[in-house]
Amino acid sequence: MAVSVDTVYQRVLVLANKEQRGYITPQEFNLLANHAQMEIFEQYFYDIKQYNRMPGNTQEYSDPLSVLYEKIGEFEVDQDEAWMAGNMAATNDVMNIPWEEIYKIGTISVGRSQVEILNSKDFDAARFSPLTAPTLERPIGWTSAFGLRVAIAENTYAIPTAGLNMSINYIMRPPNAQWAYVIVNDKPLYNDNVSVDFELHASEETELVHKILKLAGINLKAQEVVQVGEALESAQVKQEKQ
């Protein structure tokens, strides 16, 4: 259900009216496209918070929360202990998190037990309290820029090579889209073999066009292009919230 990077690029070029307002090169498009893709992707999580405060509806295809979870679901990944051992190698019992791939961690499990994720202060306090000390049935953990640590006893930590059947569920980052090309007669010609489409839900094609158009107008210092992009984007948002 990916979105064609070539379709989006061609629509942006047409709407920007390149003959009068400047040419958006493939390099510029790729940079703007991935900025727009991350804007849309990150907005999902803010929208979930907003819609959770509002009553839903019973319509299967129009409930906003159901639609958002469907869009995010395309990026949900479950990985087993073998993947963790190969991609989250531990140093001093701290597993390295590949943040370039992982956007948000969902659940971490040790055996059949789900790890309770705490902040570093609460993690240390819980380890040394008789009432909250971790066990294999009630593991605790913390994540930071340094990685992931999971405790199954006061001073015993779980790592994916210890045969504990660990697993992790997370939301992956959208891969960078790329409009690749070859030069033919001094002009870039789309190369489908090595191009990378947007991994967003197919319904986001129009939103991508509008956001990239707005960003391109800023880059070209063409206020009229910015206004077109903003107007189209605003109209779409208004339609979605009716």
Protein backbone atom coordinates (compact mmCIF):
# COMPACT_ATOMS: atom_id res chain seq x y z
CA MET A 1 0.00 0.00 0.00
CA ALA A 2 2.98 2.27 -0.53
CA VAL A 3 2.74 5.64 -2.26
CA SER A 4 4.59 6.01 -5.57
CA VAL A 5 7.43 8.49 -5.21
CA ASP A 6 7.27 9.24 -8.93
CA THR A 7 3.56 10.04 -8.85
CA VAL A 8 4.06 12.44 -5.96
CA TYR A 9 7.04 14.14 -7.65
CA GLN A 10 5.19 14.65 -10.93
CA ARG A 11 2.14 16.11 -9.15
CA VAL A 12 4.34 18.49 -7.17
CA LEU A 13 6.06 19.67 -10.35
CA VAL A 14 2.75 20.31 -12.09
CA LEU A 15 1.26 22.21 -9.14
CA ALA A 16 4.41 24.27 -8.67
CA ASN A 17 4.25 25.28 -12.34
CA LYS A 18 8.00 24.89 -12.73
CA GLU A 19 8.29 26.92 -15.94
CA GLN A 20 7.29 30.10 -14.07
CA ARG A 21 8.40 29.53 -10.49
CA GLY A 22 11.59 27.52 -10.61
CA TYR A 23 12.57 23.90 -10.98
CA ILE A 24 12.50 21.48 -8.05
CA THR A 25 15.49 19.20 -8.59
CA PRO A 26 15.36 15.51 -7.64
CA GLN A 27 17.84 16.16 -4.83
CA GLU A 28 15.66 18.96 -3.43
CA PHE A 29 12.54 16.86 -3.82
CA ASN A 30 14.06 13.91 -1.94
CA LEU A 31 15.01 16.11 1.00
CA LEU A 32 11.62 17.82 1.15
CA ALA A 33 9.78 14.54 0.60
CA ASN A 34 11.32 12.83 3.59
CA HIS A 35 10.75 15.88 5.76
CA ALA A 36 7.08 15.81 4.76
CA GLN A 37 6.85 12.06 5.32
CA MET A 38 8.15 12.37 8.90
CA GLU A 39 5.76 15.28 9.59
CA ILE A 40 2.80 13.13 8.59
CA PHE A 41 4.10 10.08 10.45
CA GLU A 42 4.77 11.93 13.71
CA GLN A 43 1.37 13.63 13.55
CA TYR A 44 -0.29 10.21 13.89
CA PHE A 45 0.77 9.97 17.53
CA TYR A 46 -0.41 13.49 18.41
CA ASP A 47 -3.73 12.79 16.71
CA ILE A 48 -4.22 9.60 18.72
CA LYS A 49 -3.93 11.61 21.94
CA GLN A 50 -6.44 14.14 20.63
CA TYR A 51 -8.98 11.59 19.39
CA ASN A 52 -8.72 9.56 22.60
CA ARG A 53 -10.33 12.54 24.35
CA MET A 54 -13.25 12.51 21.94
CA PRO A 55 -16.11 10.01 21.56
CA GLY A 56 -15.60 7.61 18.69
CA ASN A 57 -18.24 6.23 16.35
CA THR A 58 -19.43 2.81 15.29
CA GLN A 59 -18.65 3.26 11.61
CA GLU A 60 -15.91 0.77 10.73
CA TYR A 61 -14.31 2.86 8.00
CA SER A 62 -14.65 6.36 9.43
CA ASP A 63 -13.75 6.11 13.11
CA PRO A 64 -10.63 8.34 13.30
CA LEU A 65 -8.85 6.21 15.90
CA SER A 66 -9.36 3.03 13.88
CA VAL A 67 -8.00 4.78 10.79
CA LEU A 68 -4.94 6.04 12.67
CA TYR A 69 -4.18 2.62 14.13
CA GLU A 70 -4.47 1.14 10.67
CA LYS A 71 -1.92 3.64 9.34
CA ILE A 72 0.49 3.09 12.22
CA GLY A 73 -0.02 -0.68 12.02
CA GLU A 74 1.93 -0.75 8.77
CA PHE A 75 5.03 0.18 10.77
CA GLU A 76 4.52 -2.18 13.70
CA VAL A 77 7.21 -4.87 13.94
CA ASP A 78 7.64 -7.91 16.20
CA GLN A 79 11.19 -9.21 16.56
CA ASP A 80 12.43 -12.31 18.35
CA GLU A 81 15.51 -13.06 20.42
CA ALA A 82 17.64 -13.90 17.37
CA TRP A 83 17.01 -10.45 15.86
CA MET A 84 17.72 -8.76 19.19
CA ALA A 85 20.99 -10.67 19.57
CA GLY A 86 22.09 -9.58 16.10
CA ASN A 87 20.91 -5.97 16.27
CA MET A 88 20.95 -5.07 19.96
CA ALA A 89 24.28 -6.45 21.15
CA ALA A 90 24.77 -5.89 24.88
CA THR A 91 27.62 -3.96 26.48
CA ASN A 92 27.79 -4.23 30.27
CA ASP A 93 24.25 -5.65 30.28
CA VAL A 94 22.92 -2.65 28.32
CA MET A 95 21.48 -3.56 24.92
CA ASN A 96 22.20 -1.12 22.13
CA ILE A 97 18.98 0.19 20.57
CA PRO A 98 19.12 0.78 16.77
CA TRP A 99 17.29 4.10 17.00
CA GLU A 100 17.87 4.69 13.29
CA GLU A 101 15.31 1.91 12.71
CA ILE A 102 13.19 2.09 15.86
CA TYR A 103 10.93 5.10 16.30
CA LYS A 104 8.98 4.04 19.38
CA ILE A 105 9.20 0.90 21.50
CA GLY A 106 5.93 -0.86 22.21
CA THR A 107 6.46 -3.93 24.40
CA ILE A 108 9.48 -5.96 25.48
CA SER A 109 9.02 -9.46 26.81
CA VAL A 110 11.16 -11.97 28.66
CA GLY A 111 9.62 -15.40 28.25
CA ARG A 112 5.89 -14.87 28.77
CA SER A 113 6.35 -11.81 30.97
CA GLN A 114 6.07 -8.26 29.69
CA VAL A 115 8.77 -5.86 30.86
CA GLU A 116 7.53 -2.81 32.77
CA ILE A 117 9.46 0.17 31.41
CA LEU A 118 10.45 2.76 34.05
CA ASN A 119 12.55 5.90 34.06
CA SER A 120 16.12 5.47 35.33
CA LYS A 121 15.35 6.84 38.82
CA ASP A 122 12.36 4.55 39.38
CA PHE A 123 14.25 1.63 37.84
CA ASP A 124 17.03 1.88 40.43
CA ALA A 125 14.57 2.42 43.28
CA ALA A 126 12.48 -0.59 42.26
CA ARG A 127 15.48 -2.91 42.03
CA PHE A 128 16.44 -2.42 45.68
CA SER A 129 12.99 -2.42 47.25
CA PRO A 130 11.80 -5.77 48.68
CA LEU A 131 8.27 -5.00 47.49
CA THR A 132 9.13 -4.04 43.92
CA ALA A 133 12.33 -5.99 43.21
CA PRO A 134 12.20 -7.50 39.71
CA THR A 135 11.78 -11.20 39.05
CA LEU A 136 11.66 -13.34 35.94
CA GLU A 137 7.86 -13.18 36.19
CA ARG A 138 7.89 -9.39 36.71
CA PRO A 139 10.89 -7.91 34.88
CA ILE A 140 11.54 -4.17 34.77
CA GLY A 141 13.57 -2.07 32.38
CA TRP A 142 14.55 1.41 31.24
CA THR A 143 15.46 2.88 27.88
CA SER A 144 17.65 5.86 27.11
CA ALA A 145 20.00 7.16 24.46
CA PHE A 146 22.49 4.63 25.83
CA GLY A 147 20.26 1.63 25.22
CA LEU A 148 17.97 -0.81 27.02
CA ARG A 149 18.55 -2.55 30.36
CA VAL A 150 16.17 -5.24 31.64
CA ALA A 151 16.41 -6.53 35.22
CA ILE A 152 15.04 -9.94 36.30
CA ALA A 153 16.54 -9.73 39.81
CA GLU A 154 18.21 -7.04 41.93
CA ASN A 155 21.55 -7.38 40.11
CA THR A 156 20.70 -9.78 37.30
CA TYR A 157 20.00 -8.46 33.82
CA ALA A 158 18.42 -10.11 30.80
CA ILE A 159 20.23 -10.04 27.46
CA PRO A 160 19.07 -11.74 24.25
CA THR A 161 21.92 -14.29 24.21
CA ALA A 162 21.03 -15.73 27.61
CA GLY A 163 18.37 -18.12 26.27
CA LEU A 164 15.50 -16.30 27.99
CA ASN A 165 13.32 -16.09 24.86
CA MET A 166 13.23 -12.30 24.70
CA SER A 167 11.21 -10.37 22.14
CA ILE A 168 10.50 -6.75 21.25
CA ASN A 169 7.61 -4.98 19.57
CA TYR A 170 8.19 -1.52 18.12
CA ILE A 171 7.14 1.07 15.58
CA MET A 172 9.75 1.38 12.87
CA ARG A 173 10.75 4.65 11.24
CA PRO A 174 9.53 5.07 7.66
CA PRO A 175 12.40 4.32 5.26
CA ASN A 176 13.64 7.35 3.35
CA ALA A 177 11.87 7.74 0.03
CA GLN A 178 14.04 8.42 -2.99
CA TRP A 179 13.28 9.54 -6.52
CA ALA A 180 16.29 8.02 -8.28
CA TYR A 181 17.23 8.83 -11.85
CA VAL A 182 19.68 8.51 -14.71
CA ILE A 183 20.75 11.39 -16.94
CA VAL A 184 19.47 11.15 -20.52
CA ASN A 185 20.02 14.08 -22.89
CA ASP A 186 21.06 16.24 -19.94
CA LYS A 187 17.75 15.57 -18.14
CA PRO A 188 17.00 13.30 -15.17
CA LEU A 189 14.95 10.25 -16.18
CA TYR A 190 13.13 8.31 -13.47
CA ASN A 191 14.85 5.05 -12.51
CA ASP A 192 12.26 2.70 -11.11
CA ASN A 193 14.83 -0.02 -10.34
CA VAL A 194 16.51 1.82 -7.48
CA SER A 195 13.88 4.36 -6.44
CA VAL A 196 12.23 3.95 -3.04
CA ASP A 197 8.52 4.65 -2.63
CA PHE A 198 6.94 6.23 0.43
CA GLU A 199 5.93 3.58 2.98
CA LEU A 200 3.02 5.65 4.28
CA HIS A 201 -0.57 4.48 3.86
CA ALA A 202 -1.85 4.92 0.31
CA SER A 203 -4.39 7.49 1.54
CA GLU A 204 -1.54 9.89 2.38
CA GLU A 205 -0.61 10.57 -1.25
CA THR A 206 -2.50 13.87 -1.44
CA GLU A 207 -1.19 15.01 1.95
CA LEU A 208 2.37 14.33 0.81
CA VAL A 209 1.87 16.40 -2.33
CA HIS A 210 0.46 19.35 -0.37
CA LYS A 211 3.20 19.33 2.27
CA ILE A 212 6.02 18.98 -0.25
CA LEU A 213 4.51 21.75 -2.37
CA LYS A 214 4.43 24.06 0.65
CA LEU A 215 8.03 23.23 1.57
CA ALA A 216 9.13 23.67 -2.04
CA GLY A 217 7.58 27.12 -2.17
CA ILE A 218 9.59 28.14 0.89
CA ASN A 219 12.73 26.73 -0.70
CA LEU A 220 12.08 28.55 -3.99
CA LYS A 221 11.11 31.73 -2.12
CA ALA A 222 7.86 31.63 -4.07
CA GLN A 223 5.16 32.80 -1.70
CA GLU A 224 2.38 31.93 -4.13
CA VAL A 225 3.52 28.28 -4.14
CA VAL A 226 3.54 28.25 -0.35
CA GLN A 227 0.03 29.67 -0.33
CA VAL A 228 -1.22 27.03 -2.79
CA GLY A 229 0.27 24.26 -0.66
CA GLU A 230 -1.14 25.69 2.56
CA ALA A 231 -4.58 26.20 1.02
CA LEU A 232 -4.75 22.64 -0.32
CA GLU A 233 -3.49 21.23 2.97
CA SER A 234 -5.94 23.30 4.99
CA ALA A 235 -8.86 22.23 2.78
CA GLN A 236 -7.97 18.59 3.24
CA VAL A 237 -7.68 18.87 7.03
CA LYS A 238 -11.04 20.66 7.17
CA GLN A 239 -12.63 17.91 5.09
CA GLU A 240 -11.17 15.17 7.32
CA LYS A 241 -12.54 16.81 10.50
CA GLN A 242 -16.07 17.44 9.23
